[in-house]
Amino acid sequence: MENKGQHPAFLAWPDRAKFQRVLPKNKFYQYGKVTAKVREVFVRQIEQITLQYAVAPATINLAPRTAVPEIHLLRIELKTPELDFAALRCIDAVWQFPTLFELTFQGRTRVAAAYKRPASGDNDGNKNSNATKWICSNHYATEWFPSDTPRTALPLALDLAGLYQQLLHRLIPLPARPGETLAELVDRTEQAAAKRRELEKATARLNKEPQFNRKVEMNGVVRRLVLELKRMEE
């Protein structure tokens, strides 16, 4: 479904950061242990991958951090209306920079990203690390919007790590609690998603249960899960 409104994750990236270099798709799945199924996603669902913007100290007046030396925007033109996010996980595993994605298909665009950090160093990029392996959260994404959706300027930040965190906050579905770090917010968001799946399964079992006594017992489980999910999302 296409959204006709506006979303803060749609950004007006600075012209001086424009890169526009087409990247060979096979480079992303040549490295590491990639299944035949993931290779098939690249072949059947992705038309082209372009490094559209590279936000770096040379292109924007912000200092780098060890875990966030640059922020890249990869534009992925699709052959199909949807993309299996296994492809994004594959790209993030080998692309050596914090990355946002713009997926495009027939005049529509959606923005996606995972919280990506080096395998060593602290979660907010404050410690030195020469890690080449990356830890990634689940990918968060907007709905589909018209590709000409109005865009907002990059938010103000003290450095590239601060900018990266602000961009991710625009995609993560839960608001941050006072004093909550980005890593803590991501962890809570993923716990809430797991709890939501548990609730959906319990609700489905309840709806199928024919015995009244079992329904009463299962209804108590559903009510408990609803309260636990509400606490996580507050």
C-alpha atoms as a PDB file:
ATOM      1  CA  MET A   1       0.000   0.000   0.000  1.00  0.00           C
ATOM      2  CA  GLU A   2       1.262   3.467  -0.883  1.00  0.00           C
ATOM      3  CA  ASN A   3       1.248   6.244   1.697  1.00  0.00           C
ATOM      4  CA  LYS A   4       0.359   9.716   0.387  1.00  0.00           C
ATOM      5  CA  GLY A   5       1.738  11.642   3.382  1.00  0.00           C
ATOM      6  CA  GLN A   6       5.249  12.579   4.428  1.00  0.00           C
ATOM      7  CA  HIS A   7       7.874  10.785   6.511  1.00  0.00           C
ATOM      8  CA  PRO A   8      10.911  12.253   8.312  1.00  0.00           C
ATOM      9  CA  ALA A   9      13.125   9.410   7.030  1.00  0.00           C
ATOM     10  CA  PHE A  10      12.851  10.867   3.509  1.00  0.00           C
ATOM     11  CA  LEU A  11      15.891  13.131   3.494  1.00  0.00           C
ATOM     12  CA  ALA A  12      17.268  15.808   1.226  1.00  0.00           C
ATOM     13  CA  TRP A  13      20.831  14.543   1.110  1.00  0.00           C
ATOM     14  CA  PRO A  14      23.417  17.267   0.387  1.00  0.00           C
ATOM     15  CA  ASP A  15      24.518  17.613  -3.239  1.00  0.00           C
ATOM     16  CA  ARG A  16      28.178  17.688  -2.242  1.00  0.00           C
ATOM     17  CA  ALA A  17      27.768  14.160  -0.840  1.00  0.00           C
ATOM     18  CA  LYS A  18      26.361  12.785  -4.096  1.00  0.00           C
ATOM     19  CA  PHE A  19      28.312   9.773  -5.369  1.00  0.00           C
ATOM     20  CA  GLN A  20      26.114   7.890  -7.857  1.00  0.00           C
ATOM     21  CA  ARG A  21      28.314   4.861  -8.459  1.00  0.00           C
ATOM     22  CA  VAL A  22      26.664   1.656  -9.658  1.00  0.00           C
ATOM     23  CA  LEU A  23      27.804  -1.357  -7.614  1.00  0.00           C
ATOM     24  CA  PRO A  24      27.929  -4.868  -9.128  1.00  0.00           C
ATOM     25  CA  LYS A  25      25.325  -7.020  -7.400  1.00  0.00           C
ATOM     26  CA  ASN A  26      27.504 -10.121  -7.356  1.00  0.00           C
ATOM     27  CA  LYS A  27      30.139  -8.373  -5.230  1.00  0.00           C
ATOM     28  CA  PHE A  28      27.768  -8.532  -2.271  1.00  0.00           C
ATOM     29  CA  TYR A  29      27.202 -12.281  -2.326  1.00  0.00           C
ATOM     30  CA  GLN A  30      30.659 -13.415  -3.410  1.00  0.00           C
ATOM     31  CA  TYR A  31      31.968 -13.001   0.115  1.00  0.00           C
ATOM     32  CA  GLY A  32      31.060 -15.049   3.152  1.00  0.00           C
ATOM     33  CA  LYS A  33      28.543 -17.845   3.499  1.00  0.00           C
ATOM     34  CA  VAL A  34      25.610 -16.797   1.329  1.00  0.00           C
ATOM     35  CA  THR A  35      22.931 -19.333   0.496  1.00  0.00           C
ATOM     36  CA  ALA A  36      21.634 -20.042  -2.984  1.00  0.00           C
ATOM     37  CA  LYS A  37      18.303 -18.589  -1.847  1.00  0.00           C
ATOM     38  CA  VAL A  38      19.888 -15.219  -1.049  1.00  0.00           C
ATOM     39  CA  ARG A  39      21.724 -15.200  -4.384  1.00  0.00           C
ATOM     40  CA  GLU A  40      18.364 -15.810  -6.027  1.00  0.00           C
ATOM     41  CA  VAL A  41      16.939 -12.739  -4.265  1.00  0.00           C
ATOM     42  CA  PHE A  42      19.658 -10.568  -5.803  1.00  0.00           C
ATOM     43  CA  VAL A  43      19.038 -12.035  -9.255  1.00  0.00           C
ATOM     44  CA  ARG A  44      15.237 -12.060  -9.283  1.00  0.00           C
ATOM     45  CA  GLN A  45      14.311  -9.066  -7.115  1.00  0.00           C
ATOM     46  CA  ILE A  46      17.087  -6.482  -7.587  1.00  0.00           C
ATOM     47  CA  GLU A  47      17.693  -4.563 -10.805  1.00  0.00           C
ATOM     48  CA  GLN A  48      20.538  -2.273  -9.711  1.00  0.00           C
ATOM     49  CA  ILE A  49      22.371  -1.061  -6.608  1.00  0.00           C
ATOM     50  CA  THR A  50      23.830   2.439  -6.566  1.00  0.00           C
ATOM     51  CA  LEU A  51      25.962   4.182  -3.965  1.00  0.00           C
ATOM     52  CA  GLN A  52      23.906   7.372  -4.141  1.00  0.00           C
ATOM     53  CA  TYR A  53      25.408   9.459  -1.325  1.00  0.00           C
ATOM     54  CA  ALA A  54      28.460   9.242   0.926  1.00  0.00           C
ATOM     55  CA  VAL A  55      28.208  11.591   3.908  1.00  0.00           C
ATOM     56  CA  ALA A  56      31.752  12.029   5.215  1.00  0.00           C
ATOM     57  CA  PRO A  57      33.909  14.746   6.813  1.00  0.00           C
ATOM     58  CA  ALA A  58      34.984  15.765   3.302  1.00  0.00           C
ATOM     59  CA  THR A  59      31.389  16.245   2.149  1.00  0.00           C
ATOM     60  CA  ILE A  60      29.713  17.588   5.297  1.00  0.00           C
ATOM     61  CA  ASN A  61      31.080  19.623   8.183  1.00  0.00           C
ATOM     62  CA  LEU A  62      30.843  16.877  10.804  1.00  0.00           C
ATOM     63  CA  ALA A  63      33.621  14.969  12.535  1.00  0.00           C
ATOM     64  CA  PRO A  64      33.794  11.178  12.129  1.00  0.00           C
ATOM     65  CA  ARG A  65      33.659   8.632  14.912  1.00  0.00           C
ATOM     66  CA  THR A  66      35.466   5.319  14.822  1.00  0.00           C
ATOM     67  CA  ALA A  67      32.265   3.313  14.342  1.00  0.00           C
ATOM     68  CA  VAL A  68      30.752   5.944  12.038  1.00  0.00           C
ATOM     69  CA  PRO A  69      33.494   7.280   9.740  1.00  0.00           C
ATOM     70  CA  GLU A  70      30.902   7.861   6.993  1.00  0.00           C
ATOM     71  CA  ILE A  71      27.186   7.308   6.372  1.00  0.00           C
ATOM     72  CA  HIS A  72      26.180   5.861   3.009  1.00  0.00           C
ATOM     73  CA  LEU A  73      22.881   5.804   1.179  1.00  0.00           C
ATOM     74  CA  LEU A  74      22.436   2.877  -1.200  1.00  0.00           C
ATOM     75  CA  ARG A  75      19.637   3.133  -3.739  1.00  0.00           C
ATOM     76  CA  ILE A  76      18.214  -0.238  -4.775  1.00  0.00           C
ATOM     77  CA  GLU A  77      16.044  -0.397  -7.867  1.00  0.00           C
ATOM     78  CA  LEU A  78      13.754  -3.423  -7.678  1.00  0.00           C
ATOM     79  CA  LYS A  79      12.357  -5.769 -10.285  1.00  0.00           C
ATOM     80  CA  THR A  80       9.522  -6.774  -7.975  1.00  0.00           C
ATOM     81  CA  PRO A  81       7.130  -4.867  -5.655  1.00  0.00           C
ATOM     82  CA  GLU A  82       8.805  -6.230  -2.512  1.00  0.00           C
ATOM     83  CA  LEU A  83      12.314  -7.171  -1.435  1.00  0.00           C
ATOM     84  CA  ASP A  84      13.330 -10.029   0.820  1.00  0.00           C
ATOM     85  CA  PHE A  85      15.349  -8.232   3.514  1.00  0.00           C
ATOM     86  CA  ALA A  86      17.809 -11.125   3.505  1.00  0.00           C
ATOM     87  CA  ALA A  87      19.438  -9.148   0.692  1.00  0.00           C
ATOM     88  CA  LEU A  88      19.839  -6.105   2.953  1.00  0.00           C
ATOM     89  CA  ARG A  89      21.364  -8.275   5.659  1.00  0.00           C
ATOM     90  CA  CYS A  90      23.829  -9.630   3.094  1.00  0.00           C
ATOM     91  CA  ILE A  91      24.761  -6.112   1.944  1.00  0.00           C
ATOM     92  CA  ASP A  92      25.182  -4.802   5.478  1.00  0.00           C
ATOM     93  CA  ALA A  93      27.438  -7.741   6.334  1.00  0.00           C
ATOM     94  CA  VAL A  94      30.005  -6.774   3.689  1.00  0.00           C
ATOM     95  CA  TRP A  95      29.537  -3.008   3.208  1.00  0.00           C
ATOM     96  CA  GLN A  96      31.985  -1.378   5.588  1.00  0.00           C
ATOM     97  CA  PHE A  97      29.975   1.688   6.567  1.00  0.00           C
ATOM     98  CA  PRO A  98      26.738   2.486   8.407  1.00  0.00           C
ATOM     99  CA  THR A  99      24.150   2.425   5.640  1.00  0.00           C
ATOM    100  CA  LEU A 100      20.636   3.536   4.827  1.00  0.00           C
ATOM    101  CA  PHE A 101      18.715   2.126   1.874  1.00  0.00           C
ATOM    102  CA  GLU A 102      16.178   3.627  -0.485  1.00  0.00           C
ATOM    103  CA  LEU A 103      14.221   0.910  -2.270  1.00  0.00           C
ATOM    104  CA  THR A 104      12.454   2.018  -5.451  1.00  0.00           C
ATOM    105  CA  PHE A 105       9.876   0.362  -7.680  1.00  0.00           C
ATOM    106  CA  GLN A 106       7.647   1.932 -10.326  1.00  0.00           C
ATOM    107  CA  GLY A 107       7.580   5.453  -8.910  1.00  0.00           C
ATOM    108  CA  ARG A 108       7.418   4.397  -5.267  1.00  0.00           C
ATOM    109  CA  THR A 109      10.129   4.517  -2.607  1.00  0.00           C
ATOM    110  CA  ARG A 110      10.630   3.238   0.916  1.00  0.00           C
ATOM    111  CA  VAL A 111      13.541   3.855   3.283  1.00  0.00           C
ATOM    112  CA  ALA A 112      15.127   1.079   5.346  1.00  0.00           C
ATOM    113  CA  ALA A 113      18.082   0.593   7.682  1.00  0.00           C
ATOM    114  CA  ALA A 114      19.418  -1.573  10.468  1.00  0.00           C
ATOM    115  CA  TYR A 115      21.347  -0.373  13.499  1.00  0.00           C
ATOM    116  CA  LYS A 116      24.828  -1.348  12.372  1.00  0.00           C
ATOM    117  CA  ARG A 117      27.952  -1.271  14.493  1.00  0.00           C
ATOM    118  CA  PRO A 118      31.384  -2.933  14.535  1.00  0.00           C
ATOM    119  CA  ALA A 119      31.591  -6.286  16.258  1.00  0.00           C
ATOM    120  CA  SER A 120      33.910  -4.754  18.890  1.00  0.00           C
ATOM    121  CA  GLY A 121      33.807  -1.325  20.527  1.00  0.00           C
ATOM    122  CA  ASP A 122      30.855   0.033  22.444  1.00  0.00           C
ATOM    123  CA  ASN A 123      27.346   0.083  21.037  1.00  0.00           C
ATOM    124  CA  ASP A 124      27.232   3.808  20.386  1.00  0.00           C
ATOM    125  CA  GLY A 125      30.557   4.070  18.593  1.00  0.00           C
ATOM    126  CA  ASN A 126      32.549   5.609  21.420  1.00  0.00           C
ATOM    127  CA  LYS A 127      35.497   3.187  21.562  1.00  0.00           C
ATOM    128  CA  ASN A 128      38.226   2.508  19.073  1.00  0.00           C
ATOM    129  CA  SER A 129      37.693  -0.553  16.917  1.00  0.00           C
ATOM    130  CA  ASN A 130      39.334  -1.939  13.808  1.00  0.00           C
ATOM    131  CA  ALA A 131      36.616  -4.548  13.387  1.00  0.00           C
ATOM    132  CA  THR A 132      35.585  -5.474   9.886  1.00  0.00           C
ATOM    133  CA  LYS A 133      32.662  -7.628  10.985  1.00  0.00           C
ATOM    134  CA  TRP A 134      29.401  -5.847  11.720  1.00  0.00           C
ATOM    135  CA  ILE A 135      26.566  -6.491  14.126  1.00  0.00           C
ATOM    136  CA  CYS A 136      23.199  -5.542  12.668  1.00  0.00           C
ATOM    137  CA  SER A 137      19.772  -5.305  14.197  1.00  0.00           C
ATOM    138  CA  ASN A 138      16.622  -6.147  12.306  1.00  0.00           C
ATOM    139  CA  HIS A 139      15.909  -3.771   9.449  1.00  0.00           C
ATOM    140  CA  TYR A 140      13.355  -1.047  10.039  1.00  0.00           C
ATOM    141  CA  ALA A 141      11.499   0.434   7.082  1.00  0.00           C
ATOM    142  CA  THR A 142       8.911   3.008   6.143  1.00  0.00           C
ATOM    143  CA  GLU A 143       5.836   2.203   4.125  1.00  0.00           C
ATOM    144  CA  TRP A 144       5.908   2.832   0.389  1.00  0.00           C
ATOM    145  CA  PHE A 145       5.631   6.514  -0.569  1.00  0.00           C
ATOM    146  CA  PRO A 146       5.545   8.237  -3.969  1.00  0.00           C
ATOM    147  CA  SER A 147       9.138   8.809  -5.068  1.00  0.00           C
ATOM    148  CA  ASP A 148       8.479  12.564  -5.265  1.00  0.00           C
ATOM    149  CA  THR A 149       7.480  12.727  -1.584  1.00  0.00           C
ATOM    150  CA  PRO A 150       8.760  15.994  -0.025  1.00  0.00           C
ATOM    151  CA  ARG A 151      12.061  15.562   1.766  1.00  0.00           C
ATOM    152  CA  THR A 152      13.465  17.151   4.918  1.00  0.00           C
ATOM    153  CA  ALA A 153      16.984  18.447   5.518  1.00  0.00           C
ATOM    154  CA  LEU A 154      19.479  16.387   7.479  1.00  0.00           C
ATOM    155  CA  PRO A 155      19.069  17.016  11.222  1.00  0.00           C
ATOM    156  CA  LEU A 156      21.664  18.993  13.165  1.00  0.00           C
ATOM    157  CA  ALA A 157      24.291  16.878  14.928  1.00  0.00           C
ATOM    158  CA  LEU A 158      27.640  17.259  16.655  1.00  0.00           C
ATOM    159  CA  ASP A 159      29.320  14.465  14.689  1.00  0.00           C
ATOM    160  CA  LEU A 160      28.557  11.663  12.252  1.00  0.00           C
ATOM    161  CA  ALA A 161      27.718   9.204  15.033  1.00  0.00           C
ATOM    162  CA  GLY A 162      25.108  11.618  16.376  1.00  0.00           C
ATOM    163  CA  LEU A 163      23.685  12.122  12.888  1.00  0.00           C
ATOM    164  CA  TYR A 164      23.484   8.371  12.310  1.00  0.00           C
ATOM    165  CA  GLN A 165      21.607   7.869  15.557  1.00  0.00           C
ATOM    166  CA  GLN A 166      19.097  10.581  14.674  1.00  0.00           C
ATOM    167  CA  LEU A 167      18.476   9.031  11.255  1.00  0.00           C
ATOM    168  CA  LEU A 168      17.816   5.634  12.825  1.00  0.00           C
ATOM    169  CA  HIS A 169      15.432   7.148  15.383  1.00  0.00           C
ATOM    170  CA  ARG A 170      13.295   8.246  12.423  1.00  0.00           C
ATOM    171  CA  LEU A 171      12.885   4.616  11.334  1.00  0.00           C
ATOM    172  CA  ILE A 172      12.612   2.741  14.638  1.00  0.00           C
ATOM    173  CA  PRO A 173       8.894   2.304  15.424  1.00  0.00           C
ATOM    174  CA  LEU A 174       9.148   2.930  19.191  1.00  0.00           C
ATOM    175  CA  PRO A 175      10.025   6.278  20.791  1.00  0.00           C
ATOM    176  CA  ALA A 176      13.083   6.386  23.014  1.00  0.00           C
ATOM    177  CA  ARG A 177      12.570   6.568  26.766  1.00  0.00           C
ATOM    178  CA  PRO A 178      14.341   9.332  28.726  1.00  0.00           C
ATOM    179  CA  GLY A 179      18.030   8.473  28.982  1.00  0.00           C
ATOM    180  CA  GLU A 180      17.693   5.375  26.812  1.00  0.00           C
ATOM    181  CA  THR A 181      20.626   4.753  24.474  1.00  0.00           C
ATOM    182  CA  LEU A 182      20.125   3.761  20.856  1.00  0.00           C
ATOM    183  CA  ALA A 183      21.397   0.243  21.603  1.00  0.00           C
ATOM    184  CA  GLU A 184      18.896  -0.094  24.459  1.00  0.00           C
ATOM    185  CA  LEU A 185      16.052   1.206  22.279  1.00  0.00           C
ATOM    186  CA  VAL A 186      16.912  -1.266  19.520  1.00  0.00           C
ATOM    187  CA  ASP A 187      17.043  -4.124  22.031  1.00  0.00           C
ATOM    188  CA  ARG A 188      13.655  -3.135  23.491  1.00  0.00           C
ATOM    189  CA  THR A 189      12.169  -2.793  20.010  1.00  0.00           C
ATOM    190  CA  GLU A 190      13.310  -6.274  19.041  1.00  0.00           C
ATOM    191  CA  GLN A 191      12.014  -7.729  22.313  1.00  0.00           C
ATOM    192  CA  ALA A 192       8.655  -6.040  21.650  1.00  0.00           C
ATOM    193  CA  ALA A 193       8.560  -7.508  18.130  1.00  0.00           C
ATOM    194  CA  ALA A 194       9.210 -10.990  19.550  1.00  0.00           C
ATOM    195  CA  LYS A 195       6.506 -10.461  22.171  1.00  0.00           C
ATOM    196  CA  ARG A 196       4.078  -9.314  19.464  1.00  0.00           C
ATOM    197  CA  ARG A 197       4.713 -12.501  17.499  1.00  0.00           C
ATOM    198  CA  GLU A 198       4.134 -14.539  20.659  1.00  0.00           C
ATOM    199  CA  LEU A 199       0.856 -12.697  21.232  1.00  0.00           C
ATOM    200  CA  GLU A 200      -0.291 -13.298  17.655  1.00  0.00           C
ATOM    201  CA  LYS A 201       0.366 -17.025  17.979  1.00  0.00           C
ATOM    202  CA  ALA A 202      -1.427 -17.209  21.352  1.00  0.00           C
ATOM    203  CA  THR A 203      -4.405 -15.301  19.931  1.00  0.00           C
ATOM    204  CA  ALA A 204      -4.592 -17.647  16.948  1.00  0.00           C
ATOM    205  CA  ARG A 205      -4.563 -20.684  19.255  1.00  0.00           C
ATOM    206  CA  LEU A 206      -7.281 -19.112  21.409  1.00  0.00           C
ATOM    207  CA  ASN A 207      -9.519 -18.491  18.408  1.00  0.00           C
ATOM    208  CA  LYS A 208      -9.162 -22.111  17.293  1.00  0.00           C
ATOM    209  CA  GLU A 209      -9.689 -23.707  20.733  1.00  0.00           C
ATOM    210  CA  PRO A 210     -13.165 -25.350  20.961  1.00  0.00           C
ATOM    211  CA  GLN A 211     -13.153 -26.213  24.682  1.00  0.00           C
ATOM    212  CA  PHE A 212     -14.492 -23.525  27.027  1.00  0.00           C
ATOM    213  CA  ASN A 213     -12.208 -24.368  29.973  1.00  0.00           C
ATOM    214  CA  ARG A 214      -9.137 -24.215  27.751  1.00  0.00           C
ATOM    215  CA  LYS A 215     -10.360 -20.944  26.257  1.00  0.00           C
ATOM    216  CA  VAL A 216     -10.562 -19.383  29.735  1.00  0.00           C
ATOM    217  CA  GLU A 217      -7.005 -20.480  30.512  1.00  0.00           C
ATOM    218  CA  MET A 218      -5.659 -19.319  27.147  1.00  0.00           C
ATOM    219  CA  ASN A 219      -7.479 -16.000  27.420  1.00  0.00           C
ATOM    220  CA  GLY A 220      -5.526 -15.329  30.603  1.00  0.00           C
ATOM    221  CA  VAL A 221      -2.294 -15.960  28.722  1.00  0.00           C
ATOM    222  CA  VAL A 222      -3.337 -13.535  25.980  1.00  0.00           C
ATOM    223  CA  ARG A 223      -4.224 -10.818  28.514  1.00  0.00           C
ATOM    224  CA  ARG A 224      -0.826 -11.244  30.176  1.00  0.00           C
ATOM    225  CA  LEU A 225       0.985 -10.957  26.839  1.00  0.00           C
ATOM    226  CA  VAL A 226      -1.002  -7.824  25.954  1.00  0.00           C
ATOM    227  CA  LEU A 227       0.090  -6.156  29.200  1.00  0.00           C
ATOM    228  CA  GLU A 228       3.722  -7.220  28.746  1.00  0.00           C
ATOM    229  CA  LEU A 229       3.756  -5.845  25.194  1.00  0.00           C
ATOM    230  CA  LYS A 230       2.179  -2.580  26.316  1.00  0.00           C
ATOM    231  CA  ARG A 231       4.876  -2.119  28.980  1.00  0.00           C
ATOM    232  CA  MET A 232       7.600  -2.768  26.412  1.00  0.00           C
ATOM    233  CA  GLU A 233       6.167  -0.244  23.961  1.00  0.00           C
ATOM    234  CA  GLU A 234       5.588   2.560  26.471  1.00  0.00           C
END
